Amino acid sequence: MRLFAALAVFYVTVLAAFAADLTPQTQRAFDRYIQLTEARLERSVSGQNFLYSNPGAEQKAKLRKGDVLTMPQKTLDNGKDIDVPGGFVQDWLGLLFIPGATIPQVRSILQDYAAYKQIYKPEVIESKMLDHKASDYDIFLRLYKKQFVTIVLNANYRVHYGDVDSPRMYINSRSTRIAEVKDPDRPNSEELPVGHDDGFLWALNSYWRFEEADSGVYAQLEAVSLSRDLPFGLMWLKGFLQKFPRESMEATLKGTKKAMGAKQ
């Protein structure tokens, strides 16, 4: 216990010495990544590969057995990597199968934003809908992550629902504001300045695809995140930053499936 406490103090002290800034250059490069990613996803909505690579029989069999398939993604700009100076972009994709589910049932679960703090706990500790107009929602989520120390983030999202046809639906969720709470032991306490903080998470967009087939629903989630780049003295933190969005994506998929099971 003493060792853990000492490591936590060291962790906080080091981060304080390496506070990060979200610069306009970083934001512009990330916006370019998102622009090209969304263009790719838009093409898939009306194309044959609505789900990633149009999963084959072997992949679908694994999904129906209960496996969760995850894989890294990368969006290129004319065949070249997109340089994000001062930033660290992660792009993860996950798929699972929800047996017995229908598209209307999935929509009902995902639009119950007040219940997210139960559905997706412990990663979400507070949730609410702020506004709703037609197929667009503005929501608030308080995100929680604990490894060496506890991190709490206040995040606002704009969410759009779209129907391709009766068995297929997509959801685009874009973060509009993410602020790190200064004292995570008091989640309602003061925030650090947006874009000038520890840099764990500056942006997180989520792109859902749902297809009803095989007496259930195939669910796909692509999560694209932006966090700080790491100076040489903080490279030991890379593992944590890599885990954050991937683990959150997997927890979101599994939480959705569990919530569907409880409703059936």
Protein backbone atom coordinates (compact mmCIF):
# COMPACT_ATOMS: atom_id res chain seq x y z
CA MET A 1 0.00 0.00 0.00
CA ARG A 2 2.81 2.41 0.84
CA LEU A 3 4.53 1.61 -2.43
CA PHE A 4 1.34 2.25 -4.37
CA ALA A 5 0.82 5.58 -2.59
CA ALA A 6 4.41 6.58 -3.30
CA LEU A 7 4.00 5.70 -6.99
CA ALA A 8 0.80 7.71 -7.16
CA VAL A 9 2.48 10.78 -5.68
CA PHE A 10 5.39 10.38 -8.10
CA TYR A 11 2.98 10.00 -11.01
CA VAL A 12 1.08 13.18 -10.18
CA THR A 13 4.28 15.14 -9.57
CA VAL A 14 5.79 14.12 -12.90
CA LEU A 15 2.60 14.95 -14.81
CA ALA A 16 2.40 18.35 -13.18
CA ALA A 17 5.90 19.06 -14.44
CA PHE A 18 4.90 18.03 -17.98
CA ALA A 19 1.50 19.73 -18.38
CA ALA A 20 0.32 19.57 -21.96
CA ASP A 21 -1.29 22.13 -24.26
CA LEU A 22 -3.73 21.35 -27.05
CA THR A 23 -2.33 23.66 -29.72
CA PRO A 24 -4.18 24.92 -32.82
CA GLN A 25 -1.78 22.85 -34.96
CA THR A 26 -2.68 19.69 -33.04
CA GLN A 27 -6.39 20.44 -33.31
CA ARG A 28 -6.21 21.11 -37.06
CA ALA A 29 -4.35 17.87 -37.72
CA PHE A 30 -6.84 15.87 -35.65
CA ASP A 31 -9.73 17.57 -37.44
CA ARG A 32 -8.19 16.44 -40.74
CA TYR A 33 -7.96 12.87 -39.43
CA ILE A 34 -11.62 13.00 -38.41
CA GLN A 35 -12.69 14.54 -41.73
CA LEU A 36 -11.10 11.71 -43.71
CA THR A 37 -12.32 9.04 -41.27
CA GLU A 38 -15.89 10.27 -41.51
CA ALA A 39 -15.66 10.41 -45.30
CA ARG A 40 -14.60 6.74 -45.30
CA LEU A 41 -17.43 5.82 -42.95
CA GLU A 42 -19.95 7.79 -45.01
CA ARG A 43 -18.99 5.77 -48.07
CA SER A 44 -19.54 2.55 -46.11
CA VAL A 45 -23.08 3.56 -45.16
CA SER A 46 -24.32 3.16 -48.71
CA GLY A 47 -21.74 0.59 -49.82
CA GLN A 48 -21.38 -3.16 -49.40
CA ASN A 49 -18.98 -2.90 -46.44
CA PHE A 50 -21.41 -1.40 -43.95
CA LEU A 51 -19.61 -3.39 -41.28
CA TYR A 52 -15.82 -3.56 -41.26
CA SER A 53 -14.63 -5.54 -44.30
CA ASN A 54 -18.10 -7.09 -44.47
CA PRO A 55 -17.25 -9.85 -41.92
CA GLY A 56 -17.06 -13.32 -43.40
CA ALA A 57 -18.63 -16.53 -42.16
CA GLU A 58 -15.70 -17.37 -39.87
CA GLN A 59 -15.71 -13.96 -38.19
CA LYS A 60 -19.48 -14.00 -37.78
CA ALA A 61 -19.32 -17.48 -36.23
CA LYS A 62 -16.84 -16.21 -33.64
CA LEU A 63 -19.06 -13.23 -32.89
CA ARG A 64 -22.13 -15.44 -32.44
CA LYS A 65 -20.15 -17.56 -29.97
CA GLY A 66 -19.68 -14.45 -27.84
CA ASP A 67 -16.23 -13.29 -28.95
CA VAL A 68 -15.41 -9.58 -29.13
CA LEU A 69 -13.20 -8.77 -32.09
CA THR A 70 -10.95 -5.71 -31.75
CA MET A 71 -8.36 -4.30 -34.12
CA PRO A 72 -6.46 -1.06 -34.65
CA GLN A 73 -7.47 1.19 -37.51
CA LYS A 74 -5.62 3.94 -39.35
CA THR A 75 -6.90 6.65 -41.64
CA LEU A 76 -4.45 7.80 -44.31
CA ASP A 77 -4.30 11.00 -46.34
CA ASN A 78 -3.57 10.09 -49.97
CA GLY A 79 -1.79 6.96 -48.78
CA LYS A 80 0.31 8.77 -46.17
CA ASP A 81 0.17 8.88 -42.38
CA ILE A 82 -1.44 12.00 -40.91
CA ASP A 83 1.07 13.76 -38.67
CA VAL A 84 -0.54 15.18 -35.53
CA PRO A 85 2.14 17.36 -33.89
CA GLY A 86 1.93 17.30 -30.10
CA GLY A 87 -0.88 14.76 -30.19
CA PHE A 88 -1.38 10.99 -30.00
CA VAL A 89 -4.26 9.64 -32.12
CA GLN A 90 -5.70 6.20 -31.54
CA ASP A 91 -8.25 4.53 -33.77
CA TRP A 92 -9.77 1.26 -32.55
CA LEU A 93 -12.56 -0.85 -33.94
CA GLY A 94 -14.56 -3.53 -32.14
CA LEU A 95 -17.38 -5.88 -33.13
CA LEU A 96 -19.72 -8.15 -31.20
CA PHE A 97 -23.04 -9.93 -31.69
CA ILE A 98 -26.14 -9.33 -29.54
CA PRO A 99 -28.36 -12.43 -29.82
CA GLY A 100 -32.11 -11.92 -29.88
CA ALA A 101 -31.80 -8.15 -30.27
CA THR A 102 -33.52 -5.89 -32.79
CA ILE A 103 -32.55 -2.45 -34.09
CA PRO A 104 -35.46 -0.68 -32.26
CA GLN A 105 -34.41 -2.33 -28.98
CA VAL A 106 -30.80 -1.23 -29.42
CA ARG A 107 -31.92 2.32 -30.23
CA SER A 108 -34.05 2.40 -27.07
CA ILE A 109 -31.10 1.34 -24.90
CA LEU A 110 -28.66 3.81 -26.42
CA GLN A 111 -31.06 6.75 -26.20
CA ASP A 112 -31.61 6.20 -22.47
CA TYR A 113 -28.77 8.56 -21.55
CA ALA A 114 -29.77 8.90 -17.91
CA ALA A 115 -29.12 5.16 -17.53
CA TYR A 116 -25.58 5.27 -18.93
CA LYS A 117 -24.14 5.63 -15.42
CA GLN A 118 -25.59 2.19 -14.66
CA ILE A 119 -25.09 0.57 -18.08
CA TYR A 120 -21.46 1.61 -18.49
CA LYS A 121 -20.20 1.78 -14.91
CA PRO A 122 -17.53 2.14 -13.64
CA GLU A 123 -16.26 3.95 -16.77
CA VAL A 124 -19.24 6.35 -16.62
CA ILE A 125 -20.19 7.79 -13.22
CA GLU A 126 -22.68 10.46 -14.33
CA SER A 127 -24.81 10.87 -17.43
CA LYS A 128 -27.66 12.99 -18.71
CA MET A 129 -29.28 14.33 -21.87
CA LEU A 130 -28.85 18.08 -22.32
CA ASP A 131 -30.90 18.65 -25.48
CA HIS A 132 -32.78 16.70 -28.14
CA LYS A 133 -33.93 17.77 -31.59
CA ALA A 134 -35.18 15.15 -34.05
CA SER A 135 -32.30 12.65 -34.56
CA ASP A 136 -29.69 14.75 -32.72
CA TYR A 137 -28.84 14.64 -29.04
CA ASP A 138 -26.52 16.68 -26.82
CA ILE A 139 -25.37 14.66 -23.81
CA PHE A 140 -23.06 14.88 -20.83
CA LEU A 141 -20.94 12.01 -19.50
CA ARG A 142 -18.57 12.01 -16.56
CA LEU A 143 -15.84 9.50 -17.37
CA TYR A 144 -13.79 7.62 -14.79
CA LYS A 145 -10.52 5.76 -15.14
CA LYS A 146 -8.26 4.36 -12.45
CA GLN A 147 -4.83 2.82 -12.83
CA PHE A 148 -1.92 4.48 -11.05
CA VAL A 149 -4.22 7.32 -10.02
CA THR A 150 -7.84 8.23 -10.58
CA ILE A 151 -8.81 10.36 -13.57
CA VAL A 152 -12.22 12.00 -13.96
CA LEU A 153 -13.26 13.80 -17.15
CA ASN A 154 -16.35 15.89 -17.87
CA ALA A 155 -17.31 15.24 -21.48
CA ASN A 156 -19.98 16.72 -23.74
CA TYR A 157 -21.04 14.96 -26.94
CA ARG A 158 -23.24 15.65 -29.93
CA VAL A 159 -24.85 12.44 -31.16
CA HIS A 160 -26.61 11.84 -34.48
CA TYR A 161 -28.74 8.78 -35.32
CA GLY A 162 -29.20 7.64 -38.90
CA ASP A 163 -31.22 4.83 -40.49
CA VAL A 164 -29.89 3.20 -43.66
CA ASP A 165 -32.82 0.79 -43.98
CA SER A 166 -34.90 -1.29 -41.56
CA PRO A 167 -32.12 -3.74 -40.56
CA ARG A 168 -29.27 -1.18 -40.39
CA MET A 169 -28.61 1.87 -38.24
CA TYR A 170 -25.61 4.11 -37.57
CA ILE A 171 -24.74 6.57 -34.81
CA ASN A 172 -22.07 9.26 -34.96
CA SER A 173 -20.98 10.65 -31.59
CA ARG A 174 -18.52 13.57 -31.51
CA SER A 175 -17.02 15.06 -28.38
CA THR A 176 -17.50 18.83 -28.22
CA ARG A 177 -15.79 19.48 -24.88
CA ILE A 178 -13.64 17.36 -22.55
CA ALA A 179 -12.35 18.80 -19.28
CA GLU A 180 -10.24 17.06 -16.65
CA VAL A 181 -11.47 17.39 -13.07
CA LYS A 182 -8.79 18.90 -10.86
CA ASP A 183 -9.60 16.76 -7.80
CA PRO A 184 -10.91 13.34 -8.93
CA ASP A 185 -11.90 12.51 -5.34
CA ARG A 186 -14.49 15.29 -5.68
CA PRO A 187 -15.99 14.80 -9.16
CA ASN A 188 -18.06 17.99 -8.92
CA SER A 189 -15.00 20.08 -8.12
CA GLU A 190 -13.09 22.58 -10.25
CA GLU A 191 -11.91 21.65 -13.72
CA LEU A 192 -8.47 22.16 -15.19
CA PRO A 193 -8.45 24.54 -18.18
CA VAL A 194 -9.69 22.72 -21.30
CA GLY A 195 -6.71 21.86 -23.47
CA HIS A 196 -4.18 22.68 -20.75
CA ASP A 197 -4.16 19.70 -18.44
CA ASP A 198 -2.54 16.28 -18.11
CA GLY A 199 -3.58 15.47 -21.68
CA PHE A 200 -5.11 12.05 -21.03
CA LEU A 201 -8.02 12.70 -23.39
CA TRP A 202 -8.69 15.80 -25.48
CA ALA A 203 -11.22 14.30 -27.88
CA LEU A 204 -13.10 11.03 -28.34
CA ASN A 205 -15.42 10.34 -31.27
CA SER A 206 -17.43 7.14 -31.57
CA TYR A 207 -19.00 5.69 -34.70
CA TRP A 208 -21.53 2.91 -34.28
CA ARG A 209 -22.83 0.56 -36.98
CA PHE A 210 -25.66 -1.93 -36.29
CA GLU A 211 -26.94 -4.62 -38.62
CA GLU A 212 -29.83 -6.91 -37.75
CA ALA A 213 -29.23 -10.46 -39.03
CA ASP A 214 -28.95 -14.08 -37.88
CA SER A 215 -31.63 -13.57 -35.18
CA GLY A 216 -29.73 -10.76 -33.50
CA VAL A 217 -27.74 -7.60 -34.10
CA TYR A 218 -24.11 -7.22 -35.12
CA ALA A 219 -22.68 -4.15 -33.39
CA GLN A 220 -19.58 -2.35 -34.56
CA LEU A 221 -17.92 0.55 -32.75
CA GLU A 222 -15.00 2.61 -34.04
CA ALA A 223 -13.48 4.95 -31.46
CA VAL A 224 -11.05 7.71 -32.46
CA SER A 225 -9.29 9.54 -29.64
CA LEU A 226 -6.81 12.36 -29.24
CA SER A 227 -4.50 12.64 -26.26
CA ARG A 228 -1.17 14.29 -25.60
CA ASP A 229 2.06 13.31 -27.23
CA LEU A 230 4.63 12.05 -24.76
CA PRO A 231 8.00 13.68 -24.18
CA PHE A 232 10.94 11.36 -23.59
CA GLY A 233 10.57 11.57 -19.83
CA LEU A 234 7.00 10.25 -19.96
CA MET A 235 7.30 7.38 -22.45
CA TRP A 236 6.56 4.96 -19.61
CA LEU A 237 2.98 6.35 -19.69
CA LYS A 238 2.38 5.20 -23.25
CA GLY A 239 0.92 1.88 -22.16
CA PHE A 240 -1.71 3.65 -20.08
CA LEU A 241 -2.67 6.04 -22.87
CA GLN A 242 -2.95 3.11 -25.28
CA LYS A 243 -5.21 1.17 -22.91
CA PHE A 244 -7.60 4.03 -22.16
CA PRO A 245 -9.60 4.27 -25.45
CA ARG A 246 -9.39 0.57 -26.28
CA GLU A 247 -10.62 -0.55 -22.87
CA SER A 248 -13.36 2.09 -22.94
CA MET A 249 -14.49 0.88 -26.37
CA GLU A 250 -14.61 -2.76 -25.24
CA ALA A 251 -16.48 -1.82 -22.06
CA THR A 252 -19.03 0.15 -24.10
CA LEU A 253 -19.67 -2.79 -26.43
CA LYS A 254 -20.01 -5.28 -23.56
CA GLY A 255 -22.14 -2.89 -21.51
CA THR A 256 -24.54 -2.45 -24.41
CA LYS A 257 -24.83 -6.21 -24.88
CA LYS A 258 -25.40 -6.76 -21.16
CA ALA A 259 -28.09 -4.07 -21.05
CA MET A 260 -29.84 -5.68 -24.02
CA GLY A 261 -29.76 -9.06 -22.28
CA ALA A 262 -31.38 -7.56 -19.18
CA LYS A 263 -34.23 -6.12 -21.30
CA GLN A 264 -35.02 -9.37 -23.11
